[in-house]
Amino acid sequence: NGYSTNVIRPLALHQFRSNGKEVPRVNIPE
């Protein structure tokens, strides 16, 4: 599944949103 996690951190959530990307539901990049 690559270098990914199933738990999203607030900082990763902020990174996705600030770059205009959709937050994945599974295999979230670590």
PDB file of all heavy atoms in Angstrom:
ATOM      1  N   ASN A   1       0.811  -1.218   0.000  1.00  0.00           N
ATOM      2  CA  ASN A   1       0.000   0.000   0.000  1.00  0.00           C
ATOM      3  C   ASN A   1       0.845   1.269   0.000  1.00  0.00           C
ATOM      4  O   ASN A   1       0.312   2.364   0.135  1.00  0.00           O
ATOM      5  CB  ASN A   1      -0.939   0.014   1.210  1.00  0.00           C
ATOM      6  CG  ASN A   1      -1.920  -1.121   1.177  1.00  0.00           C
ATOM      7  OD1 ASN A   1      -2.287  -1.601   0.113  1.00  0.00           O
ATOM      8  ND2 ASN A   1      -2.339  -1.585   2.344  1.00  0.00           N
ATOM      9  N   GLY A   2       2.147   1.132  -0.108  1.00  0.00           N
ATOM     10  CA  GLY A   2       3.031   2.289  -0.129  1.00  0.00           C
ATOM     11  C   GLY A   2       3.273   2.864   1.257  1.00  0.00           C
ATOM     12  O   GLY A   2       2.843   2.320   2.267  1.00  0.00           O
ATOM     13  N   TYR A   3       3.978   3.987   1.291  1.00  0.00           N
ATOM     14  CA  TYR A   3       4.300   4.655   2.551  1.00  0.00           C
ATOM     15  C   TYR A   3       3.078   5.448   3.001  1.00  0.00           C
ATOM     16  O   TYR A   3       2.988   6.655   2.808  1.00  0.00           O
ATOM     17  CB  TYR A   3       5.523   5.560   2.354  1.00  0.00           C
ATOM     18  CG  TYR A   3       6.124   6.040   3.638  1.00  0.00           C
ATOM     19  CD1 TYR A   3       6.853   5.183   4.435  1.00  0.00           C
ATOM     20  CD2 TYR A   3       5.953   7.335   4.069  1.00  0.00           C
ATOM     21  CE1 TYR A   3       7.403   5.609   5.625  1.00  0.00           C
ATOM     22  CE2 TYR A   3       6.493   7.782   5.242  1.00  0.00           C
ATOM     23  CZ  TYR A   3       7.226   6.908   6.019  1.00  0.00           C
ATOM     24  OH  TYR A   3       7.762   7.338   7.205  1.00  0.00           O
ATOM     25  N   SER A   4       2.115   4.724   3.572  1.00  0.00           N
ATOM     26  CA  SER A   4       0.842   5.349   3.929  1.00  0.00           C
ATOM     27  C   SER A   4       0.377   4.866   5.294  1.00  0.00           C
ATOM     28  O   SER A   4       0.896   3.910   5.848  1.00  0.00           O
ATOM     29  CB  SER A   4      -0.217   5.007   2.879  1.00  0.00           C
ATOM     30  OG  SER A   4      -0.433   3.615   2.848  1.00  0.00           O
ATOM     31  N   THR A   5      -0.614   5.563   5.801  1.00  0.00           N
ATOM     32  CA  THR A   5      -1.198   5.233   7.096  1.00  0.00           C
ATOM     33  C   THR A   5      -2.713   5.251   6.974  1.00  0.00           C
ATOM     34  O   THR A   5      -3.258   5.740   5.984  1.00  0.00           O
ATOM     35  CB  THR A   5      -0.726   6.238   8.168  1.00  0.00           C
ATOM     36  OG1 THR A   5      -1.255   5.865   9.432  1.00  0.00           O
ATOM     37  CG2 THR A   5      -1.148   7.653   7.850  1.00  0.00           C
ATOM     38  N   ASN A   6      -3.384   4.742   7.969  1.00  0.00           N
ATOM     39  CA  ASN A   6      -4.846   4.793   8.010  1.00  0.00           C
ATOM     40  C   ASN A   6      -5.334   5.811   9.033  1.00  0.00           C
ATOM     41  O   ASN A   6      -6.532   5.957   9.235  1.00  0.00           O
ATOM     42  CB  ASN A   6      -5.412   3.413   8.333  1.00  0.00           C
ATOM     43  CG  ASN A   6      -5.088   2.412   7.248  1.00  0.00           C
ATOM     44  OD1 ASN A   6      -4.944   2.777   6.093  1.00  0.00           O
ATOM     45  ND2 ASN A   6      -4.949   1.160   7.621  1.00  0.00           N
ATOM     46  N   VAL A   7      -4.392   6.496   9.672  1.00  0.00           N
ATOM     47  CA  VAL A   7      -4.724   7.512  10.672  1.00  0.00           C
ATOM     48  C   VAL A   7      -4.231   8.853  10.154  1.00  0.00           C
ATOM     49  O   VAL A   7      -3.067   9.000   9.807  1.00  0.00           O
ATOM     50  CB  VAL A   7      -4.035   7.194  12.023  1.00  0.00           C
ATOM     51  CG1 VAL A   7      -4.322   8.263  13.038  1.00  0.00           C
ATOM     52  CG2 VAL A   7      -4.454   5.826  12.526  1.00  0.00           C
ATOM     53  N   ILE A   8      -5.115   9.830  10.096  1.00  0.00           N
ATOM     54  CA  ILE A   8      -4.709  11.139   9.597  1.00  0.00           C
ATOM     55  C   ILE A   8      -4.431  12.069  10.772  1.00  0.00           C
ATOM     56  O   ILE A   8      -5.168  12.101  11.750  1.00  0.00           O
ATOM     57  CB  ILE A   8      -5.769  11.736   8.642  1.00  0.00           C
ATOM     58  CG1 ILE A   8      -5.203  12.958   7.949  1.00  0.00           C
ATOM     59  CG2 ILE A   8      -7.057  12.030   9.366  1.00  0.00           C
ATOM     60  CD1 ILE A   8      -5.930  13.337   6.704  1.00  0.00           C
ATOM     61  N   ARG A   9      -3.353  12.785  10.669  1.00  0.00           N
ATOM     62  CA  ARG A   9      -2.970  13.761  11.685  1.00  0.00           C
ATOM     63  C   ARG A   9      -3.535  15.125  11.284  1.00  0.00           C
ATOM     64  O   ARG A   9      -3.745  15.391  10.100  1.00  0.00           O
ATOM     65  CB  ARG A   9      -1.453  13.857  11.775  1.00  0.00           C
ATOM     66  CG  ARG A   9      -0.816  12.606  12.260  1.00  0.00           C
ATOM     67  CD  ARG A   9       0.696  12.786  12.264  1.00  0.00           C
ATOM     68  NE  ARG A   9       1.319  11.673  12.915  1.00  0.00           N
ATOM     69  CZ  ARG A   9       1.480  11.574  14.226  1.00  0.00           C
ATOM     70  NH1 ARG A   9       1.072  12.523  15.012  1.00  0.00           N
ATOM     71  NH2 ARG A   9       2.052  10.514  14.746  1.00  0.00           N
ATOM     72  N   PRO A  10      -3.750  16.002  12.250  1.00  0.00           N
ATOM     73  CA  PRO A  10      -4.252  17.336  11.925  1.00  0.00           C
ATOM     74  C   PRO A  10      -3.330  18.094  10.962  1.00  0.00           C
ATOM     75  O   PRO A  10      -3.803  18.800  10.066  1.00  0.00           O
ATOM     76  CB  PRO A  10      -4.333  18.037  13.280  1.00  0.00           C
ATOM     77  CG  PRO A  10      -4.509  16.930  14.256  1.00  0.00           C
ATOM     78  CD  PRO A  10      -3.729  15.774  13.698  1.00  0.00           C
ATOM     79  N   LEU A  11      -2.014  17.923  11.104  1.00  0.00           N
ATOM     80  CA  LEU A  11      -1.085  18.604  10.201  1.00  0.00           C
ATOM     81  C   LEU A  11      -1.240  18.079   8.772  1.00  0.00           C
ATOM     82  O   LEU A  11      -1.233  18.868   7.817  1.00  0.00           O
ATOM     83  CB  LEU A  11       0.360  18.410  10.663  1.00  0.00           C
ATOM     84  CG  LEU A  11       1.430  19.029   9.769  1.00  0.00           C
ATOM     85  CD1 LEU A  11       1.230  20.539   9.647  1.00  0.00           C
ATOM     86  CD2 LEU A  11       2.814  18.711  10.274  1.00  0.00           C
ATOM     87  N   ALA A  12      -1.401  16.770   8.601  1.00  0.00           N
ATOM     88  CA  ALA A  12      -1.592  16.214   7.256  1.00  0.00           C
ATOM     89  C   ALA A  12      -2.905  16.703   6.660  1.00  0.00           C
ATOM     90  O   ALA A  12      -2.979  17.015   5.468  1.00  0.00           O
ATOM     91  CB  ALA A  12      -1.568  14.688   7.310  1.00  0.00           C
ATOM     92  N   LEU A  13      -3.939  16.778   7.481  1.00  0.00           N
ATOM     93  CA  LEU A  13      -5.224  17.297   7.022  1.00  0.00           C
ATOM     94  C   LEU A  13      -5.066  18.740   6.533  1.00  0.00           C
ATOM     95  O   LEU A  13      -5.569  19.112   5.471  1.00  0.00           O
ATOM     96  CB  LEU A  13      -6.247  17.213   8.154  1.00  0.00           C
ATOM     97  CG  LEU A  13      -7.671  17.604   7.841  1.00  0.00           C
ATOM     98  CD1 LEU A  13      -8.261  16.663   6.806  1.00  0.00           C
ATOM     99  CD2 LEU A  13      -8.504  17.572   9.109  1.00  0.00           C
ATOM    100  N   HIS A  14      -4.342  19.538   7.308  1.00  0.00           N
ATOM    101  CA  HIS A  14      -4.075  20.924   6.926  1.00  0.00           C
ATOM    102  C   HIS A  14      -3.273  20.989   5.620  1.00  0.00           C
ATOM    103  O   HIS A  14      -3.551  21.836   4.756  1.00  0.00           O
ATOM    104  CB  HIS A  14      -3.323  21.649   8.042  1.00  0.00           C
ATOM    105  CG  HIS A  14      -2.843  23.009   7.658  1.00  0.00           C
ATOM    106  ND1 HIS A  14      -3.703  24.073   7.466  1.00  0.00           N
ATOM    107  CD2 HIS A  14      -1.597  23.480   7.410  1.00  0.00           C
ATOM    108  CE1 HIS A  14      -2.997  25.141   7.122  1.00  0.00           C
ATOM    109  NE2 HIS A  14      -1.712  24.799   7.078  1.00  0.00           N
ATOM    110  N   GLN A  15      -2.274  20.110   5.453  1.00  0.00           N
ATOM    111  CA  GLN A  15      -1.475  20.098   4.232  1.00  0.00           C
ATOM    112  C   GLN A  15      -2.330  19.788   3.007  1.00  0.00           C
ATOM    113  O   GLN A  15      -2.168  20.423   1.965  1.00  0.00           O
ATOM    114  CB  GLN A  15      -0.343  19.075   4.354  1.00  0.00           C
ATOM    115  CG  GLN A  15       0.763  19.494   5.289  1.00  0.00           C
ATOM    116  CD  GLN A  15       1.779  18.391   5.518  1.00  0.00           C
ATOM    117  OE1 GLN A  15       1.476  17.212   5.402  1.00  0.00           O
ATOM    118  NE2 GLN A  15       2.993  18.785   5.850  1.00  0.00           N
ATOM    119  N   PHE A  16      -3.219  18.815   3.136  1.00  0.00           N
ATOM    120  CA  PHE A  16      -4.099  18.481   2.013  1.00  0.00           C
ATOM    121  C   PHE A  16      -4.987  19.664   1.662  1.00  0.00           C
ATOM    122  O   PHE A  16      -5.122  20.044   0.494  1.00  0.00           O
ATOM    123  CB  PHE A  16      -4.975  17.266   2.338  1.00  0.00           C
ATOM    124  CG  PHE A  16      -4.287  15.955   2.123  1.00  0.00           C
ATOM    125  CD1 PHE A  16      -3.990  15.138   3.198  1.00  0.00           C
ATOM    126  CD2 PHE A  16      -3.955  15.530   0.853  1.00  0.00           C
ATOM    127  CE1 PHE A  16      -3.364  13.930   3.002  1.00  0.00           C
ATOM    128  CE2 PHE A  16      -3.331  14.313   0.648  1.00  0.00           C
ATOM    129  CZ  PHE A  16      -3.034  13.506   1.732  1.00  0.00           C
ATOM    130  N   ARG A  17      -5.624  20.242   2.674  1.00  0.00           N
ATOM    131  CA  ARG A  17      -6.580  21.333   2.427  1.00  0.00           C
ATOM    132  C   ARG A  17      -5.894  22.594   1.911  1.00  0.00           C
ATOM    133  O   ARG A  17      -6.427  23.284   1.050  1.00  0.00           O
ATOM    134  CB  ARG A  17      -7.374  21.623   3.688  1.00  0.00           C
ATOM    135  CG  ARG A  17      -8.348  20.496   3.994  1.00  0.00           C
ATOM    136  CD  ARG A  17      -9.199  20.799   5.177  1.00  0.00           C
ATOM    137  NE  ARG A  17     -10.162  19.716   5.389  1.00  0.00           N
ATOM    138  CZ  ARG A  17     -10.788  19.513   6.515  1.00  0.00           C
ATOM    139  NH1 ARG A  17     -10.598  20.318   7.550  1.00  0.00           N
ATOM    140  NH2 ARG A  17     -11.632  18.509   6.632  1.00  0.00           N
ATOM    141  N   SER A  18      -4.698  22.907   2.431  1.00  0.00           N
ATOM    142  CA  SER A  18      -4.018  24.125   1.995  1.00  0.00           C
ATOM    143  C   SER A  18      -3.486  24.000   0.565  1.00  0.00           C
ATOM    144  O   SER A  18      -3.265  25.012  -0.099  1.00  0.00           O
ATOM    145  CB  SER A  18      -2.882  24.482   2.952  1.00  0.00           C
ATOM    146  OG  SER A  18      -1.873  23.490   2.904  1.00  0.00           O
ATOM    147  N   ASN A  19      -3.298  22.781   0.089  1.00  0.00           N
ATOM    148  CA  ASN A  19      -2.856  22.570  -1.293  1.00  0.00           C
ATOM    149  C   ASN A  19      -4.009  22.275  -2.231  1.00  0.00           C
ATOM    150  O   ASN A  19      -3.787  21.940  -3.396  1.00  0.00           O
ATOM    151  CB  ASN A  19      -1.836  21.430  -1.359  1.00  0.00           C
ATOM    152  CG  ASN A  19      -0.519  21.825  -0.736  1.00  0.00           C
ATOM    153  OD1 ASN A  19      -0.031  22.926  -0.965  1.00  0.00           O
ATOM    154  ND2 ASN A  19       0.044  20.948   0.071  1.00  0.00           N
ATOM    155  N   GLY A  20      -5.236  22.394  -1.729  1.00  0.00           N
ATOM    156  CA  GLY A  20      -6.413  22.210  -2.564  1.00  0.00           C
ATOM    157  C   GLY A  20      -6.659  20.781  -3.006  1.00  0.00           C
ATOM    158  O   GLY A  20      -7.279  20.549  -4.026  1.00  0.00           O
ATOM    159  N   LYS A  21      -6.165  19.821  -2.231  1.00  0.00           N
ATOM    160  CA  LYS A  21      -6.346  18.414  -2.589  1.00  0.00           C
ATOM    161  C   LYS A  21      -7.400  17.767  -1.704  1.00  0.00           C
ATOM    162  O   LYS A  21      -7.619  18.185  -0.577  1.00  0.00           O
ATOM    163  CB  LYS A  21      -5.030  17.660  -2.450  1.00  0.00           C
ATOM    164  CG  LYS A  21      -3.976  18.171  -3.407  1.00  0.00           C
ATOM    165  CD  LYS A  21      -2.792  17.273  -3.430  1.00  0.00           C
ATOM    166  CE  LYS A  21      -1.814  17.807  -4.462  1.00  0.00           C
ATOM    167  NZ  LYS A  21      -0.713  16.937  -4.677  1.00  0.00           N
ATOM    168  N   GLU A  22      -8.033  16.757  -2.244  1.00  0.00           N
ATOM    169  CA  GLU A  22      -9.033  16.016  -1.494  1.00  0.00           C
ATOM    170  C   GLU A  22      -8.334  15.048  -0.529  1.00  0.00           C
ATOM    171  O   GLU A  22      -7.339  14.423  -0.876  1.00  0.00           O
ATOM    172  CB  GLU A  22      -9.920  15.225  -2.456  1.00  0.00           C
ATOM    173  CG  GLU A  22     -11.086  14.550  -1.771  1.00  0.00           C
ATOM    174  CD  GLU A  22     -11.996  13.868  -2.769  1.00  0.00           C
ATOM    175  OE1 GLU A  22     -12.160  14.393  -3.888  1.00  0.00           O
ATOM    176  OE2 GLU A  22     -12.524  12.807  -2.412  1.00  0.00           O
ATOM    177  N   VAL A  23      -8.887  14.946   0.669  1.00  0.00           N
ATOM    178  CA  VAL A  23      -8.302  14.065   1.673  1.00  0.00           C
ATOM    179  C   VAL A  23      -8.715  12.626   1.368  1.00  0.00           C
ATOM    180  O   VAL A  23      -9.900  12.316   1.299  1.00  0.00           O
ATOM    181  CB  VAL A  23      -8.785  14.460   3.093  1.00  0.00           C
ATOM    182  CG1 VAL A  23      -8.194  13.530   4.130  1.00  0.00           C
ATOM    183  CG2 VAL A  23      -8.434  15.904   3.383  1.00  0.00           C
ATOM    184  N   PRO A  24      -7.732  11.716   1.165  1.00  0.00           N
ATOM    185  CA  PRO A  24      -8.085  10.332   0.878  1.00  0.00           C
ATOM    186  C   PRO A  24      -8.691   9.641   2.101  1.00  0.00           C
ATOM    187  O   PRO A  24      -8.374   9.976   3.235  1.00  0.00           O
ATOM    188  CB  PRO A  24      -6.756   9.686   0.491  1.00  0.00           C
ATOM    189  CG  PRO A  24      -5.697  10.618   0.918  1.00  0.00           C
ATOM    190  CD  PRO A  24      -6.311  11.945   1.130  1.00  0.00           C
ATOM    191  N   ARG A  25      -9.575   8.712   1.875  1.00  0.00           N
ATOM    192  CA  ARG A  25     -10.229   7.985   2.972  1.00  0.00           C
ATOM    193  C   ARG A  25      -9.360   6.843   3.499  1.00  0.00           C
ATOM    194  O   ARG A  25      -9.432   6.509   4.667  1.00  0.00           O
ATOM    195  CB  ARG A  25     -11.562   7.432   2.497  1.00  0.00           C
ATOM    196  CG  ARG A  25     -12.501   8.494   2.039  1.00  0.00           C
ATOM    197  CD  ARG A  25     -13.676   8.567   2.974  1.00  0.00           C
ATOM    198  NE  ARG A  25     -14.581   9.608   2.532  1.00  0.00           N
ATOM    199  CZ  ARG A  25     -15.005  10.551   3.337  1.00  0.00           C
ATOM    200  NH1 ARG A  25     -14.622  10.583   4.574  1.00  0.00           N
ATOM    201  NH2 ARG A  25     -15.818  11.472   2.886  1.00  0.00           N
ATOM    202  N   VAL A  26      -8.593   6.211   2.618  1.00  0.00           N
ATOM    203  CA  VAL A  26      -7.681   5.132   3.024  1.00  0.00           C
ATOM    204  C   VAL A  26      -6.320   5.392   2.400  1.00  0.00           C
ATOM    205  O   VAL A  26      -6.191   6.168   1.459  1.00  0.00           O
ATOM    206  CB  VAL A  26      -8.194   3.738   2.585  1.00  0.00           C
ATOM    207  CG1 VAL A  26      -9.454   3.354   3.330  1.00  0.00           C
ATOM    208  CG2 VAL A  26      -8.422   3.692   1.098  1.00  0.00           C
ATOM    209  N   ASN A  27      -5.300   4.732   2.947  1.00  0.00           N
ATOM    210  CA  ASN A  27      -3.916   4.874   2.466  1.00  0.00           C
ATOM    211  C   ASN A  27      -3.490   6.335   2.370  1.00  0.00           C
ATOM    212  O   ASN A  27      -3.060   6.816   1.324  1.00  0.00           O
ATOM    213  CB  ASN A  27      -3.724   4.165   1.125  1.00  0.00           C
ATOM    214  CG  ASN A  27      -3.946   2.676   1.229  1.00  0.00           C
ATOM    215  OD1 ASN A  27      -3.770   2.101   2.299  1.00  0.00           O
ATOM    216  ND2 ASN A  27      -4.341   2.056   0.153  1.00  0.00           N
ATOM    217  N   ILE A  28      -3.619   7.030   3.477  1.00  0.00           N
ATOM    218  CA  ILE A  28      -3.241   8.436   3.561  1.00  0.00           C
ATOM    219  C   ILE A  28      -1.712   8.526   3.565  1.00  0.00           C
ATOM    220  O   ILE A  28      -1.060   7.846   4.352  1.00  0.00           O
ATOM    221  CB  ILE A  28      -3.820   9.056   4.843  1.00  0.00           C
ATOM    222  CG1 ILE A  28      -5.336   8.891   4.838  1.00  0.00           C
ATOM    223  CG2 ILE A  28      -3.412  10.502   4.987  1.00  0.00           C
ATOM    224  CD1 ILE A  28      -5.958   8.922   6.205  1.00  0.00           C
ATOM    225  N   PRO A  29      -1.108   9.324   2.699  1.00  0.00           N
ATOM    226  CA  PRO A  29       0.350   9.431   2.681  1.00  0.00           C
ATOM    227  C   PRO A  29       0.882   9.879   4.042  1.00  0.00           C
ATOM    228  O   PRO A  29       0.375  10.825   4.643  1.00  0.00           O
ATOM    229  CB  PRO A  29       0.625  10.482   1.607  1.00  0.00           C
ATOM    230  CG  PRO A  29      -0.589  10.486   0.752  1.00  0.00           C
ATOM    231  CD  PRO A  29      -1.729  10.123   1.647  1.00  0.00           C
ATOM    232  N   GLU A  30       1.890   9.179   4.523  1.00  0.00           N
ATOM    233  CA  GLU A  30       2.487   9.490   5.825  1.00  0.00           C
ATOM    234  C   GLU A  30       3.462  10.646   5.668  1.00  0.00           C
ATOM    235  O   GLU A  30       4.359  10.606   4.818  1.00  0.00           O
ATOM    236  CB  GLU A  30       3.215   8.261   6.366  1.00  0.00           C
ATOM    237  CG  GLU A  30       3.959   8.478   7.654  1.00  0.00           C
ATOM    238  CD  GLU A  30       3.067   8.910   8.795  1.00  0.00           C
ATOM    239  OE1 GLU A  30       2.062   8.234   9.062  1.00  0.00           O
ATOM    240  OE2 GLU A  30       3.384   9.927   9.424  1.00  0.00           O
TER     241      GLU A  30
END
